[in-house]
Protein backbone atom coordinates (compact mmCIF):
# COMPACT_ATOMS: atom_id res chain seq x y z
CA MET A 1 -13.35 17.21 21.06
CA ASN A 2 -12.48 19.00 17.67
CA LYS A 3 -12.18 16.64 14.84
CA PRO A 4 -8.90 16.31 12.90
CA LYS A 5 -7.75 17.75 9.92
CA ILE A 6 -6.37 15.15 7.53
CA VAL A 7 -4.22 15.85 4.44
CA LEU A 8 -3.92 13.27 1.59
CA MET A 9 -0.73 14.01 -0.28
CA GLY A 10 -0.99 12.54 -3.71
CA ALA A 11 -4.72 12.28 -3.56
CA GLY A 12 -4.59 11.74 -7.31
CA SER A 13 -3.29 8.21 -7.11
CA THR A 14 -6.08 5.87 -7.89
CA GLN A 15 -5.58 2.95 -5.74
CA PHE A 16 -4.66 5.40 -2.69
CA SER A 17 -7.40 7.95 -3.02
CA LEU A 18 -10.12 5.33 -3.52
CA ILE A 19 -9.27 3.12 -0.75
CA THR A 20 -8.28 5.55 1.82
CA ILE A 21 -11.22 7.97 1.20
CA TYR A 22 -13.77 4.85 1.28
CA ASP A 23 -11.91 3.87 4.67
CA ILE A 24 -12.19 7.33 6.22
CA VAL A 25 -15.82 7.63 5.46
CA ARG A 26 -16.57 4.17 7.05
CA ARG A 27 -15.05 5.13 10.29
CA PRO A 28 -17.62 6.82 12.61
CA ASN A 29 -15.16 8.46 14.57
CA LEU A 30 -13.63 10.21 11.85
CA HIS A 31 -16.97 11.72 10.67
CA GLY A 32 -17.05 15.48 10.62
CA SER A 33 -13.12 15.70 10.06
CA THR A 34 -11.73 18.09 7.64
CA LEU A 35 -10.12 16.44 4.41
CA VAL A 36 -7.88 18.09 2.28
CA LEU A 37 -6.96 16.60 -0.92
CA VAL A 38 -3.45 17.53 -2.47
CA ASP A 39 -2.09 16.76 -5.71
CA ILE A 40 0.03 18.46 -8.50
CA ASP A 41 -2.02 17.20 -11.45
CA LYS A 42 -5.21 19.45 -11.73
CA GLU A 43 -7.47 17.14 -13.39
CA LYS A 44 -6.67 14.08 -11.03
CA LEU A 45 -7.50 16.35 -8.10
CA ARG A 46 -10.65 17.32 -9.65
CA LEU A 47 -11.63 13.50 -9.83
CA ALA A 48 -10.36 12.91 -6.33
CA GLY A 49 -12.68 15.71 -5.01
CA GLY A 50 -15.51 14.34 -6.76
CA LEU A 51 -14.94 10.86 -5.35
CA ALA A 52 -14.62 12.21 -2.04
CA LYS A 53 -17.77 14.29 -2.37
CA GLN A 54 -19.86 11.18 -3.38
CA LEU A 55 -18.50 8.87 -0.93
CA ASN A 56 -19.13 11.53 1.74
CA GLU A 57 -22.77 12.00 0.74
CA LYS A 58 -23.22 8.24 0.39
CA PHE A 59 -22.26 7.44 3.98
CA ASN A 60 -23.12 10.82 5.65
CA ALA A 61 -19.82 11.26 6.92
CA ARG A 62 -20.18 14.89 7.07
CA LEU A 63 -16.49 15.56 5.99
CA LYS A 64 -15.46 19.35 5.18
CA ILE A 65 -13.73 18.28 1.88
CA GLU A 66 -11.11 20.84 0.42
CA SER A 67 -8.67 20.58 -2.62
CA THR A 68 -5.52 22.33 -3.32
CA LEU A 69 -2.44 22.16 -5.71
CA ASP A 70 -0.52 23.99 -2.80
CA ARG A 71 0.64 21.61 -0.10
CA LYS A 72 1.71 24.34 1.93
CA ILE A 73 -1.82 25.65 2.24
CA ALA A 74 -2.95 22.33 3.06
CA LEU A 75 -0.65 21.70 5.97
CA ASP A 76 -1.79 24.64 7.81
CA GLY A 77 -3.33 23.15 10.86
CA ALA A 78 -3.03 19.45 9.83
CA ASP A 79 -3.27 16.89 12.54
CA PHE A 80 -2.42 13.85 10.32
CA ILE A 81 -0.59 13.93 6.77
CA ILE A 82 -1.23 10.42 4.53
CA SER A 83 1.12 10.55 1.86
CA ALA A 84 1.46 8.32 -1.25
CA VAL A 85 3.37 10.59 -3.60
CA GLU A 86 5.19 9.31 -6.61
CA VAL A 87 7.35 10.50 -9.65
CA GLY A 88 6.48 9.31 -13.12
CA ARG A 89 5.68 5.81 -11.74
CA GLU A 90 4.89 3.46 -14.64
CA LYS A 91 7.50 4.92 -17.13
CA CYS A 92 10.14 4.98 -14.68
CA TRP A 93 9.27 1.61 -13.03
CA LYS A 94 9.60 0.20 -16.54
CA LEU A 95 13.09 1.52 -16.88
CA ASP A 96 13.90 0.38 -13.17
CA CYS A 97 13.65 -3.12 -14.62
CA GLU A 98 14.74 -2.98 -18.05
CA ILE A 99 18.03 -1.07 -17.61
CA PRO A 100 19.42 -3.34 -14.90
CA LEU A 101 18.50 -6.41 -17.26
CA LYS A 102 20.75 -5.06 -20.10
CA TYR A 103 23.58 -5.63 -17.80
CA GLY A 104 22.54 -9.10 -16.41
CA ILE A 105 20.65 -8.03 -13.20
CA LYS A 106 17.36 -9.77 -13.03
CA GLN A 107 14.55 -8.35 -11.02
CA VAL A 108 11.08 -9.64 -10.34
CA VAL A 109 9.50 -6.37 -9.33
CA GLY A 110 12.25 -3.67 -9.23
CA GLU A 111 10.38 -1.57 -6.49
CA CYS A 112 11.91 -1.87 -3.21
CA GLY A 113 15.02 -4.21 -3.63
CA GLY A 114 17.86 -4.29 -6.01
CA PRO A 115 19.24 -1.50 -8.29
CA GLY A 116 15.40 -0.88 -9.25
CA GLY A 117 14.65 0.04 -5.66
CA LEU A 118 17.76 2.19 -5.28
CA PHE A 119 16.95 4.22 -8.15
CA HIS A 120 12.99 4.59 -6.96
CA ALA A 121 14.36 5.77 -3.84
CA LEU A 122 16.45 8.21 -5.20
CA ARG A 123 13.74 9.82 -7.19
CA ILE A 124 11.43 9.92 -4.54
CA ILE A 125 13.11 10.57 -1.28
CA PRO A 126 13.99 14.39 -2.03
CA ILE A 127 10.18 14.78 -2.49
CA VAL A 128 9.20 13.21 0.50
CA LEU A 129 11.83 15.24 2.47
CA GLU A 130 10.34 18.49 1.10
CA ILE A 131 6.95 17.74 2.36
CA CYS A 132 8.40 16.66 5.73
CA ARG A 133 10.29 19.91 6.10
CA ASP A 134 7.40 22.02 5.35
CA ALA A 135 5.39 19.91 7.89
CA GLU A 136 8.34 20.71 10.32
CA ASP A 137 7.56 24.42 9.80
CA ILE A 138 3.71 24.57 9.43
CA CYS A 139 2.29 21.74 11.47
CA PRO A 140 5.03 20.42 13.62
CA ASN A 141 2.76 18.14 15.61
CA ALA A 142 1.14 16.39 12.87
CA LEU A 143 1.73 12.60 12.44
CA PHE A 144 3.13 11.88 9.05
CA ILE A 145 1.86 8.55 7.75
CA ASN A 146 3.68 7.21 4.65
CA TYR A 147 2.82 4.82 2.05
CA THR A 148 5.20 5.44 -0.58
CA ASN A 149 7.64 2.92 -1.49
CA PRO A 150 10.32 1.80 -1.31
CA MET A 151 9.06 2.10 2.21
CA THR A 152 12.10 1.19 4.22
CA ARG A 153 14.44 3.44 2.54
CA VAL A 154 11.90 6.38 2.64
CA CYS A 155 11.26 6.04 6.22
CA ARG A 156 14.95 5.83 7.05
CA ALA A 157 15.49 9.27 5.29
CA ILE A 158 12.71 10.62 7.10
CA SER A 159 13.99 9.45 10.46
CA ARG A 160 17.54 10.50 9.69
CA TYR A 161 17.00 13.88 8.11
CA THR A 162 13.67 15.44 9.53
CA LYS A 163 12.03 15.67 12.96
CA VAL A 164 8.56 14.96 12.04
CA LYS A 165 6.59 12.24 13.94
CA PHE A 166 6.08 9.67 11.35
CA VAL A 167 5.16 6.01 10.66
CA GLY A 168 5.36 3.80 7.77
CA LEU A 169 2.31 1.69 6.90
CA CYS A 170 1.60 -1.10 4.28
CA TYR A 171 -1.29 -3.44 3.81
CA GLY A 172 0.85 -6.11 2.24
CA ILE A 173 0.42 -8.26 5.33
CA TYR A 174 -3.50 -8.44 4.89
CA PHE A 175 -2.92 -9.42 1.29
CA GLN A 176 -0.74 -12.37 2.67
CA LEU A 177 -3.27 -13.27 5.40
CA THR A 178 -6.03 -13.25 2.39
CA ALA A 179 -3.93 -15.78 0.55
CA LEU A 180 -3.26 -17.95 3.34
CA SER A 181 -6.79 -18.08 4.82
CA LYS A 182 -7.98 -19.11 1.20
CA PHE A 183 -5.43 -21.74 1.15
CA LEU A 184 -6.21 -22.80 4.59
CA GLY A 185 -10.12 -22.82 3.99
CA VAL A 186 -11.12 -20.00 6.46
CA LYS A 187 -12.21 -16.39 6.33
CA PRO A 188 -9.49 -13.60 6.49
CA GLN A 189 -10.88 -12.24 9.48
CA ASP A 190 -10.68 -15.53 11.22
CA LEU A 191 -6.95 -15.62 10.76
CA ASP A 192 -4.35 -13.28 12.70
CA ALA A 193 -0.73 -12.56 12.65
CA LYS A 194 2.12 -10.95 14.26
CA ALA A 195 5.01 -10.11 11.64
CA ALA A 196 8.42 -8.55 11.70
CA GLY A 197 11.01 -7.57 9.14
CA LEU A 198 11.65 -5.15 6.19
CA ASN A 199 8.43 -3.95 4.46
CA HIS A 200 7.98 -6.39 1.58
CA PHE A 201 10.16 -8.95 3.09
CA THR A 202 8.44 -9.53 6.40
CA TRP A 203 8.35 -12.80 8.42
CA ILE A 204 5.36 -13.85 10.14
CA THR A 205 6.37 -14.73 13.72
CA ASP A 206 3.01 -15.88 14.92
CA LEU A 207 0.00 -17.10 13.13
CA ARG A 208 -3.16 -18.02 14.80
CA PHE A 209 -6.88 -18.83 14.28
CA LYS A 210 -9.41 -16.37 15.68
CA ASP A 211 -9.99 -19.02 18.57
CA GLY A 212 -6.44 -18.63 19.69
CA ARG A 213 -5.09 -22.15 18.04
CA ASP A 214 -1.51 -21.86 16.52
CA ALA A 215 -2.00 -22.19 12.80
CA TYR A 216 1.51 -23.01 11.82
CA PRO A 217 1.08 -26.93 12.26
CA VAL A 218 -1.99 -26.68 10.05
CA LEU A 219 -0.31 -24.63 7.40
CA ARG A 220 2.78 -26.79 7.79
CA GLU A 221 0.87 -30.08 7.20
CA LYS A 222 -1.25 -28.80 4.35
CA LEU A 223 1.80 -27.46 2.60
CA SER A 224 3.45 -30.88 3.01
CA LYS A 225 0.72 -32.55 1.22
CA THR A 226 0.13 -30.00 -1.38
CA GLU A 227 2.08 -29.65 -4.59
CA ASP A 228 4.07 -26.42 -4.71
CA TYR A 229 1.59 -24.49 -6.90
CA PHE A 230 0.77 -22.25 -3.87
CA GLN A 231 3.61 -19.66 -3.26
CA PRO A 232 6.44 -21.91 -4.13
CA LEU A 233 9.09 -19.34 -3.21
CA CYS A 234 7.41 -18.47 0.00
CA ARG A 235 6.74 -22.07 0.78
CA GLU A 236 10.46 -23.03 0.41
CA MET A 237 11.47 -20.15 2.53
CA TYR A 238 9.23 -21.32 5.29
CA PHE A 239 10.57 -24.99 4.92
CA LYS A 240 14.21 -23.63 5.28
CA PHE A 241 13.72 -21.32 8.01
CA GLY A 242 10.51 -22.14 10.08
CA LEU A 243 8.72 -18.97 9.32
CA TYR A 244 6.48 -17.85 6.50
CA PRO A 245 7.40 -14.73 4.62
CA SER A 246 5.07 -11.91 3.43
CA PRO A 247 3.61 -10.48 1.29
CA SER A 248 4.08 -12.64 -1.52
CA ASP A 249 6.59 -14.52 -3.93
CA GLY A 250 7.17 -11.58 -6.14
CA HIS A 251 7.77 -8.89 -3.38
CA VAL A 252 9.99 -11.30 -1.00
CA ALA A 253 12.03 -12.28 -4.54
CA GLU A 254 13.44 -8.82 -4.53
CA PHE A 255 15.52 -9.41 -1.79
CA LEU A 256 16.95 -12.82 -2.64
CA SER A 257 19.69 -13.24 -5.27
CA PHE A 258 17.90 -16.55 -6.18
CA GLY A 259 14.29 -14.92 -6.37
CA TYR A 260 14.03 -14.28 -9.99
CA ASP A 261 14.86 -17.73 -11.13
CA LYS A 262 12.28 -19.17 -8.64
CA MET A 263 9.42 -17.24 -10.33
CA LYS A 264 7.45 -18.14 -13.46
CA PRO A 265 8.39 -16.09 -16.50
CA GLU A 266 4.95 -14.69 -16.50
CA GLU A 267 5.31 -13.48 -13.23
CA ARG A 268 8.44 -11.29 -13.33
CA GLY A 269 9.78 -8.28 -14.91
CA TYR A 270 7.79 -5.47 -16.48
CA GLU A 271 5.70 -7.80 -18.74
CA GLY A 272 4.82 -10.21 -16.02
CA TRP A 273 4.60 -8.12 -12.75
CA ILE A 274 4.22 -4.36 -13.35
CA LYS A 275 2.18 -4.38 -16.69
CA PRO A 276 -0.64 -6.63 -15.15
CA TYR A 277 -0.49 -4.53 -11.87
CA TYR A 278 -1.20 -1.24 -13.96
CA SER A 279 -4.10 -3.10 -15.67
CA HIS A 280 -5.45 -3.68 -12.21
CA LEU A 281 -5.06 0.01 -11.35
CA GLN A 282 -6.94 0.83 -14.59
CA GLY A 283 -9.88 -1.08 -13.24
CA LEU A 284 -9.53 1.15 -9.95
CA GLN A 285 -9.32 4.24 -12.17
CA GLU A 286 -12.51 3.25 -13.91
CA MET A 287 -14.36 2.51 -10.62
CA ALA A 288 -13.18 5.77 -9.02
CA THR A 289 -14.43 7.66 -12.19
CA SER A 290 -17.84 6.13 -11.95
CA ILE A 291 -18.29 7.05 -8.36
CA ALA A 292 -16.91 10.33 -8.87
CA ASN A 293 -19.56 10.86 -11.68
CA GLY A 294 -22.30 9.75 -9.53
CA ASP A 295 -22.43 6.09 -10.48
CA LEU A 296 -22.14 4.23 -7.13
CA SER A 297 -22.67 0.66 -8.24
CA PRO A 298 -19.03 -0.08 -7.96
CA LEU A 299 -19.17 0.27 -4.40
CA ARG A 300 -20.40 -3.19 -3.72
CA LYS A 301 -16.98 -4.70 -4.61
CA LEU A 302 -15.31 -2.27 -2.22
CA GLU A 303 -17.61 -3.11 0.62
CA GLN A 304 -16.83 -6.56 0.18
CA THR A 305 -13.13 -5.97 0.70
CA TRP A 306 -13.74 -3.66 3.67
CA GLU A 307 -15.88 -6.04 5.30
CA ALA A 308 -13.22 -8.47 5.13
CA TYR A 309 -10.68 -6.36 7.17
CA LYS A 310 -12.79 -4.23 9.44
CA GLU A 311 -12.27 -4.87 13.35
CA GLY A 312 -14.79 -7.20 14.83
C-alpha cells in the first residue's frame, strides 16, 4: 500500500509545525510518507524544514521531506492537506481587541466570537478558499484538515463555497480534559469525554473515568465544596445548565455578553490574553529553533505532552 502525501499549509507557524510534525514522526503508520512543507515566508519555511529533518532522523520515520513556497506544486498528488494559515496574526489580533473596545465592545479573546472574530474571519476566509479551490483542481480527492480559526466560520465557508472533502480540528477539548483531570486528581488519559457545540464554545455531554464510571457526580461534588478559583465562568455555566463547557473560561467568554465581566482583568483583552499567549509561542519558537539546529534536548517536554494524549 502506498504511503500518503501530506501537505502542511502554513508550516512556518511555530506551534502548528512543531506539534504536527512531531506527531507525524511518532505515528508508525505514517512512517515512509511524503511530507511537504508550504509557507510564504522563506526563512520560516527553512526553519520548519530543519525541524522536520531533525525529527525525522531522531525517530527514524523515513519521511520524504520537501519544502516549497508554491502551494500548487505541493498539492500535486496530495492525499491530506493540513492547514493552519494566518494573516498578520499578532498585529491584527491586537487591533481586533482594541478597536471594538474604543466603542464600548469588550472582548476577552477577540478570536472566534464578537467583532474580533468577524474581522478575523473576513481576513482569513478568502485565503482558505483560494487553497481549497486549488485543491479542487489539483487533488480533488484529498482530505482538507483545517486548524485555522475562527473554526466554525471558516468551515462554514468551505462547505458553502467549495466541494473539497474537509474536517475542522481543534485540540481545545484535550486542554479542558487536562485541566479537569488535574482538578479531579487523575491523569489526563484516565478521563474521557464526548462533546458537542461550536468550536471554543463546546459542551461536554458525557464525562467518564477510564473504568467507565460517570465522572460528572464527582465533578459536581468537588466543585460544590471548592471555592470558585477553578474556572469560575465554566463552573457557573455548569451549575446553571447541567453540562460543563470547554475549552476554558476565556474561550467560552467570547460567546457570552456577560463573559468579559466574569474574567479577571489580568486574564482578558490583549494584555491579559493575547500577549501572554504570544509569550508562550516565543517559547515554542525557541524550542523549534533549537531542534532545527540539532539540539534535541527540548524533546523531553514534547514527549511528556505526547505521552499524556496518545492512544492506549
